[in-house]
Amino acid sequence: MTENRILSVGSVFPEFKKQAVVSIEKGKEFYEISSDTHRHNDQWMVMFWWPKDFTFVCPTEIAEFNKNYDEFRDRDAVLIGASTDSEFVHAAWRRDHEDLRELRFPMLADTSKSLAEELGILQAEEKVAYRATYIVDPQGIIRWVSLNDLNVGRNVAEVLRVLDALQTDELCPCNWQKGEETIEA
């Protein structure tokens, strides 16, 4: 098994320009998104990756991120979902799966696998992305990374909790929740 060198906390998130699916309306399905989108608007970015479209665990995560879309928006965070499938496969999956038809965030298509490879999140045998989640600050610096095995879904509430903690720019104790006291050093 090959060891990945995962781009981690403190690193600059790689620049990218990729096609994404933003709608299932004919003629409006695709849009190009880039790393500049959140930086120019002084926003945080949360990018989460899944291994493959038309699978079983992935739509549960995607639907849960979508249910929490307003929570991310209220925190000035751009939410982007991503996999190494093509934009055409993303569009077909969105049309096919009831829980994905009304997504409010883009599904990035990293068909060249260049971004996943640069992040170090490609699974060695199948060359699909692990379930990786990145929180990136408005300056483009990675502030949090979570990486799950292919079989285990992530916890969207935990992503929001960590985003809240990072945005305080203070010391946050274990299990800290938004609204609780931070630590005075």
C-alpha atoms as a PDB file:
ATOM      1  CA  MET A   1       0.000   0.000   0.000  1.00  0.00           C
ATOM      2  CA  THR A   2       1.314   3.415  -0.976  1.00  0.00           C
ATOM      3  CA  GLU A   3       1.509   6.069   1.710  1.00  0.00           C
ATOM      4  CA  ASN A   4      -0.300   9.302   0.873  1.00  0.00           C
ATOM      5  CA  ARG A   5       1.156  12.667   1.744  1.00  0.00           C
ATOM      6  CA  ILE A   6      -2.002  14.437   2.764  1.00  0.00           C
ATOM      7  CA  LEU A   7      -1.980  18.203   2.509  1.00  0.00           C
ATOM      8  CA  SER A   8      -2.762  19.265   6.050  1.00  0.00           C
ATOM      9  CA  VAL A   9      -3.308  22.091   8.497  1.00  0.00           C
ATOM     10  CA  GLY A  10      -1.231  25.201   7.834  1.00  0.00           C
ATOM     11  CA  SER A  11      -0.766  24.428   4.128  1.00  0.00           C
ATOM     12  CA  VAL A  12      -2.143  26.591   1.366  1.00  0.00           C
ATOM     13  CA  PHE A  13      -5.101  24.897  -0.296  1.00  0.00           C
ATOM     14  CA  PRO A  14      -4.191  24.227  -3.947  1.00  0.00           C
ATOM     15  CA  GLU A  15      -5.492  26.506  -6.645  1.00  0.00           C
ATOM     16  CA  PHE A  16      -8.110  24.877  -8.840  1.00  0.00           C
ATOM     17  CA  LYS A  17     -10.491  25.602 -11.685  1.00  0.00           C
ATOM     18  CA  LYS A  18     -12.980  22.796 -12.309  1.00  0.00           C
ATOM     19  CA  GLN A  19     -16.371  22.097 -13.825  1.00  0.00           C
ATOM     20  CA  ALA A  20     -19.169  21.592 -11.327  1.00  0.00           C
ATOM     21  CA  VAL A  21     -22.807  20.615 -11.446  1.00  0.00           C
ATOM     22  CA  VAL A  22     -24.968  23.358  -9.973  1.00  0.00           C
ATOM     23  CA  SER A  23     -28.424  22.446 -11.295  1.00  0.00           C
ATOM     24  CA  ILE A  24     -30.462  19.750 -12.996  1.00  0.00           C
ATOM     25  CA  GLU A  25     -32.247  22.330 -15.165  1.00  0.00           C
ATOM     26  CA  LYS A  26     -31.446  21.659 -18.830  1.00  0.00           C
ATOM     27  CA  GLY A  27     -28.850  24.109 -20.123  1.00  0.00           C
ATOM     28  CA  LYS A  28     -27.936  25.342 -16.617  1.00  0.00           C
ATOM     29  CA  GLU A  29     -26.327  22.197 -15.185  1.00  0.00           C
ATOM     30  CA  PHE A  30     -22.653  23.173 -15.365  1.00  0.00           C
ATOM     31  CA  TYR A  31     -20.560  26.023 -14.027  1.00  0.00           C
ATOM     32  CA  GLU A  32     -16.819  26.510 -13.636  1.00  0.00           C
ATOM     33  CA  ILE A  33     -15.689  27.121 -10.071  1.00  0.00           C
ATOM     34  CA  SER A  34     -12.256  28.013  -8.788  1.00  0.00           C
ATOM     35  CA  SER A  35     -10.267  28.487  -5.621  1.00  0.00           C
ATOM     36  CA  ASP A  36     -10.655  32.245  -6.067  1.00  0.00           C
ATOM     37  CA  THR A  37     -14.403  32.103  -5.435  1.00  0.00           C
ATOM     38  CA  HIS A  38     -14.184  32.137  -1.630  1.00  0.00           C
ATOM     39  CA  ARG A  39     -10.991  34.192  -1.346  1.00  0.00           C
ATOM     40  CA  HIS A  40     -12.340  37.138  -3.354  1.00  0.00           C
ATOM     41  CA  ASN A  41     -15.440  37.221  -1.170  1.00  0.00           C
ATOM     42  CA  ASP A  42     -13.435  36.903   2.062  1.00  0.00           C
ATOM     43  CA  GLN A  43     -15.243  33.657   2.889  1.00  0.00           C
ATOM     44  CA  TRP A  44     -14.311  30.349   4.442  1.00  0.00           C
ATOM     45  CA  MET A  45     -14.527  27.240   2.284  1.00  0.00           C
ATOM     46  CA  VAL A  46     -15.662  23.779   3.329  1.00  0.00           C
ATOM     47  CA  MET A  47     -14.860  21.179   0.683  1.00  0.00           C
ATOM     48  CA  PHE A  48     -15.912  17.612   1.266  1.00  0.00           C
ATOM     49  CA  TRP A  49     -14.994  14.650  -0.924  1.00  0.00           C
ATOM     50  CA  TRP A  50     -16.726  11.336  -1.521  1.00  0.00           C
ATOM     51  CA  PRO A  51     -15.370   8.268  -3.343  1.00  0.00           C
ATOM     52  CA  LYS A  52     -17.940   7.560  -6.086  1.00  0.00           C
ATOM     53  CA  ASP A  53     -21.289   8.663  -7.399  1.00  0.00           C
ATOM     54  CA  PHE A  54     -24.132   6.114  -7.518  1.00  0.00           C
ATOM     55  CA  THR A  55     -23.039   4.492  -4.248  1.00  0.00           C
ATOM     56  CA  PHE A  56     -24.638   4.050  -0.827  1.00  0.00           C
ATOM     57  CA  VAL A  57     -22.916   6.028   1.957  1.00  0.00           C
ATOM     58  CA  CYS A  58     -22.131   9.051  -0.219  1.00  0.00           C
ATOM     59  CA  PRO A  59     -25.701  10.288  -0.793  1.00  0.00           C
ATOM     60  CA  THR A  60     -26.419  10.175   2.946  1.00  0.00           C
ATOM     61  CA  GLU A  61     -23.524  12.577   3.537  1.00  0.00           C
ATOM     62  CA  ILE A  62     -24.335  14.820   0.587  1.00  0.00           C
ATOM     63  CA  ALA A  63     -27.980  15.083   1.662  1.00  0.00           C
ATOM     64  CA  GLU A  64     -26.932  15.926   5.242  1.00  0.00           C
ATOM     65  CA  PHE A  65     -24.573  18.680   4.054  1.00  0.00           C
ATOM     66  CA  ASN A  66     -27.451  20.015   1.932  1.00  0.00           C
ATOM     67  CA  LYS A  67     -29.823  20.006   4.948  1.00  0.00           C
ATOM     68  CA  ASN A  68     -27.226  22.144   6.746  1.00  0.00           C
ATOM     69  CA  TYR A  69     -26.479  24.433   3.788  1.00  0.00           C
ATOM     70  CA  ASP A  70     -27.926  27.509   5.533  1.00  0.00           C
ATOM     71  CA  GLU A  71     -25.773  26.773   8.601  1.00  0.00           C
ATOM     72  CA  PHE A  72     -22.640  26.993   6.448  1.00  0.00           C
ATOM     73  CA  ARG A  73     -23.892  30.088   4.610  1.00  0.00           C
ATOM     74  CA  ASP A  74     -24.683  31.786   7.946  1.00  0.00           C
ATOM     75  CA  ARG A  75     -21.040  31.221   8.912  1.00  0.00           C
ATOM     76  CA  ASP A  76     -19.779  32.874   5.693  1.00  0.00           C
ATOM     77  CA  ALA A  77     -18.593  29.525   4.349  1.00  0.00           C
ATOM     78  CA  VAL A  78     -18.758  28.361   0.756  1.00  0.00           C
ATOM     79  CA  LEU A  79     -19.742  24.687   0.662  1.00  0.00           C
ATOM     80  CA  ILE A  80     -18.386  22.511  -2.173  1.00  0.00           C
ATOM     81  CA  GLY A  81     -18.857  18.789  -2.649  1.00  0.00           C
ATOM     82  CA  ALA A  82     -16.336  16.917  -4.798  1.00  0.00           C
ATOM     83  CA  SER A  83     -15.365  13.570  -6.266  1.00  0.00           C
ATOM     84  CA  THR A  84     -13.277  12.288  -9.145  1.00  0.00           C
ATOM     85  CA  ASP A  85     -16.388  11.506 -11.196  1.00  0.00           C
ATOM     86  CA  SER A  86     -17.175  13.662 -14.238  1.00  0.00           C
ATOM     87  CA  GLU A  87     -19.683  16.490 -14.268  1.00  0.00           C
ATOM     88  CA  PHE A  88     -21.888  14.334 -16.525  1.00  0.00           C
ATOM     89  CA  VAL A  89     -21.961  11.508 -13.974  1.00  0.00           C
ATOM     90  CA  HIS A  90     -22.724  14.058 -11.222  1.00  0.00           C
ATOM     91  CA  ALA A  91     -25.614  15.451 -13.274  1.00  0.00           C
ATOM     92  CA  ALA A  92     -27.015  11.983 -13.993  1.00  0.00           C
ATOM     93  CA  TRP A  93     -26.778  11.042 -10.310  1.00  0.00           C
ATOM     94  CA  ARG A  94     -28.527  14.246  -9.241  1.00  0.00           C
ATOM     95  CA  ARG A  95     -31.356  13.581 -11.696  1.00  0.00           C
ATOM     96  CA  ASP A  96     -31.567   9.930 -10.608  1.00  0.00           C
ATOM     97  CA  HIS A  97     -31.401  10.259  -6.792  1.00  0.00           C
ATOM     98  CA  GLU A  98     -34.293  12.035  -5.084  1.00  0.00           C
ATOM     99  CA  ASP A  99     -32.139  13.287  -2.169  1.00  0.00           C
ATOM    100  CA  LEU A 100     -29.721  15.008  -4.574  1.00  0.00           C
ATOM    101  CA  ARG A 101     -32.083  16.840  -6.940  1.00  0.00           C
ATOM    102  CA  GLU A 102     -32.357  20.009  -4.862  1.00  0.00           C
ATOM    103  CA  LEU A 103     -28.707  20.453  -3.856  1.00  0.00           C
ATOM    104  CA  ARG A 104     -27.780  24.039  -3.054  1.00  0.00           C
ATOM    105  CA  PHE A 105     -24.018  23.659  -3.429  1.00  0.00           C
ATOM    106  CA  PRO A 106     -21.855  22.676  -6.414  1.00  0.00           C
ATOM    107  CA  MET A 107     -20.652  19.143  -7.077  1.00  0.00           C
ATOM    108  CA  LEU A 108     -17.076  19.630  -8.274  1.00  0.00           C
ATOM    109  CA  ALA A 109     -15.822  17.206 -10.936  1.00  0.00           C
ATOM    110  CA  ASP A 110     -12.130  16.387 -10.522  1.00  0.00           C
ATOM    111  CA  THR A 111     -12.017  14.052 -13.536  1.00  0.00           C
ATOM    112  CA  SER A 112      -8.285  14.552 -14.025  1.00  0.00           C
ATOM    113  CA  LYS A 113      -7.862  13.619 -10.332  1.00  0.00           C
ATOM    114  CA  SER A 114      -5.296  16.420 -10.146  1.00  0.00           C
ATOM    115  CA  LEU A 115      -6.811  18.218  -7.161  1.00  0.00           C
ATOM    116  CA  ALA A 116      -7.404  14.987  -5.195  1.00  0.00           C
ATOM    117  CA  GLU A 117      -3.836  13.936  -5.990  1.00  0.00           C
ATOM    118  CA  GLU A 118      -2.406  17.293  -4.901  1.00  0.00           C
ATOM    119  CA  LEU A 119      -4.389  17.014  -1.651  1.00  0.00           C
ATOM    120  CA  GLY A 120      -3.018  13.484  -1.147  1.00  0.00           C
ATOM    121  CA  ILE A 121      -6.475  11.943  -0.736  1.00  0.00           C
ATOM    122  CA  LEU A 122      -6.522   9.421  -3.612  1.00  0.00           C
ATOM    123  CA  GLN A 123      -7.013   5.843  -2.488  1.00  0.00           C
ATOM    124  CA  ALA A 124      -4.117   3.817  -3.926  1.00  0.00           C
ATOM    125  CA  GLU A 125      -5.920   0.872  -5.534  1.00  0.00           C
ATOM    126  CA  GLU A 126      -9.068   2.400  -7.028  1.00  0.00           C
ATOM    127  CA  LYS A 127      -7.774   5.963  -7.446  1.00  0.00           C
ATOM    128  CA  VAL A 128     -10.925   7.432  -5.910  1.00  0.00           C
ATOM    129  CA  ALA A 129     -10.963  10.095  -3.216  1.00  0.00           C
ATOM    130  CA  TYR A 130     -11.184   9.188   0.436  1.00  0.00           C
ATOM    131  CA  ARG A 131     -13.966  10.840   2.451  1.00  0.00           C
ATOM    132  CA  ALA A 132     -11.957  13.970   3.133  1.00  0.00           C
ATOM    133  CA  THR A 133     -13.234  17.245   4.562  1.00  0.00           C
ATOM    134  CA  TYR A 134     -11.270  20.488   4.447  1.00  0.00           C
ATOM    135  CA  ILE A 135     -12.012  23.752   6.226  1.00  0.00           C
ATOM    136  CA  VAL A 136     -10.069  26.562   4.551  1.00  0.00           C
ATOM    137  CA  ASP A 137      -9.904  30.114   5.886  1.00  0.00           C
ATOM    138  CA  PRO A 138     -10.488  33.227   3.729  1.00  0.00           C
ATOM    139  CA  GLN A 139      -6.725  33.512   3.095  1.00  0.00           C
ATOM    140  CA  GLY A 140      -6.670  30.022   1.550  1.00  0.00           C
ATOM    141  CA  ILE A 141      -4.964  28.288   4.492  1.00  0.00           C
ATOM    142  CA  ILE A 142      -6.141  24.817   5.500  1.00  0.00           C
ATOM    143  CA  ARG A 143      -7.312  25.026   9.108  1.00  0.00           C
ATOM    144  CA  TRP A 144      -8.855  21.553   9.556  1.00  0.00           C
ATOM    145  CA  VAL A 145      -8.727  18.209   7.767  1.00  0.00           C
ATOM    146  CA  SER A 146     -10.729  15.106   8.473  1.00  0.00           C
ATOM    147  CA  LEU A 147     -10.179  11.888   6.547  1.00  0.00           C
ATOM    148  CA  ASN A 148     -12.415   8.829   6.769  1.00  0.00           C
ATOM    149  CA  ASP A 149     -12.034   5.355   5.368  1.00  0.00           C
ATOM    150  CA  LEU A 150     -14.155   4.643   2.281  1.00  0.00           C
ATOM    151  CA  ASN A 151     -16.791   2.757   4.311  1.00  0.00           C
ATOM    152  CA  VAL A 152     -17.427   5.316   7.067  1.00  0.00           C
ATOM    153  CA  GLY A 153     -19.560   8.434   6.671  1.00  0.00           C
ATOM    154  CA  ARG A 154     -18.639  11.676   8.367  1.00  0.00           C
ATOM    155  CA  ASN A 155     -20.470  13.799  10.936  1.00  0.00           C
ATOM    156  CA  VAL A 156     -21.694  17.110   9.476  1.00  0.00           C
ATOM    157  CA  ALA A 157     -22.469  18.501  12.955  1.00  0.00           C
ATOM    158  CA  GLU A 158     -18.800  18.044  13.852  1.00  0.00           C
ATOM    159  CA  VAL A 159     -17.727  19.954  10.726  1.00  0.00           C
ATOM    160  CA  LEU A 160     -19.977  22.843  11.804  1.00  0.00           C
ATOM    161  CA  ARG A 161     -18.679  22.660  15.401  1.00  0.00           C
ATOM    162  CA  VAL A 162     -15.064  22.898  14.232  1.00  0.00           C
ATOM    163  CA  LEU A 163     -15.889  25.739  11.830  1.00  0.00           C
ATOM    164  CA  ASP A 164     -17.514  27.627  14.718  1.00  0.00           C
ATOM    165  CA  ALA A 165     -14.468  27.035  16.908  1.00  0.00           C
ATOM    166  CA  LEU A 166     -12.032  28.150  14.214  1.00  0.00           C
ATOM    167  CA  GLN A 167     -14.019  31.305  13.575  1.00  0.00           C
ATOM    168  CA  THR A 168     -13.759  32.375  17.238  1.00  0.00           C
ATOM    169  CA  ASP A 169      -9.981  32.644  16.758  1.00  0.00           C
ATOM    170  CA  GLU A 170      -9.747  31.735  20.464  1.00  0.00           C
ATOM    171  CA  LEU A 171      -8.817  28.665  22.515  1.00  0.00           C
ATOM    172  CA  CYS A 172     -11.749  26.231  22.505  1.00  0.00           C
ATOM    173  CA  PRO A 173     -11.796  23.310  24.962  1.00  0.00           C
ATOM    174  CA  CYS A 174     -12.767  19.720  24.193  1.00  0.00           C
ATOM    175  CA  ASN A 175     -16.398  19.325  23.073  1.00  0.00           C
ATOM    176  CA  TRP A 176     -16.793  23.116  22.883  1.00  0.00           C
ATOM    177  CA  GLN A 177     -20.060  24.266  21.288  1.00  0.00           C
ATOM    178  CA  LYS A 178     -20.940  27.644  19.809  1.00  0.00           C
ATOM    179  CA  GLY A 179     -22.024  30.038  22.571  1.00  0.00           C
ATOM    180  CA  GLU A 180     -19.943  28.379  25.291  1.00  0.00           C
ATOM    181  CA  GLU A 181     -17.022  30.038  27.019  1.00  0.00           C
ATOM    182  CA  THR A 182     -13.617  29.877  25.393  1.00  0.00           C
ATOM    183  CA  ILE A 183     -10.388  29.586  27.368  1.00  0.00           C
ATOM    184  CA  GLU A 184      -8.545  32.693  28.522  1.00  0.00           C
ATOM    185  CA  ALA A 185      -4.808  32.097  28.356  1.00  0.00           C
END
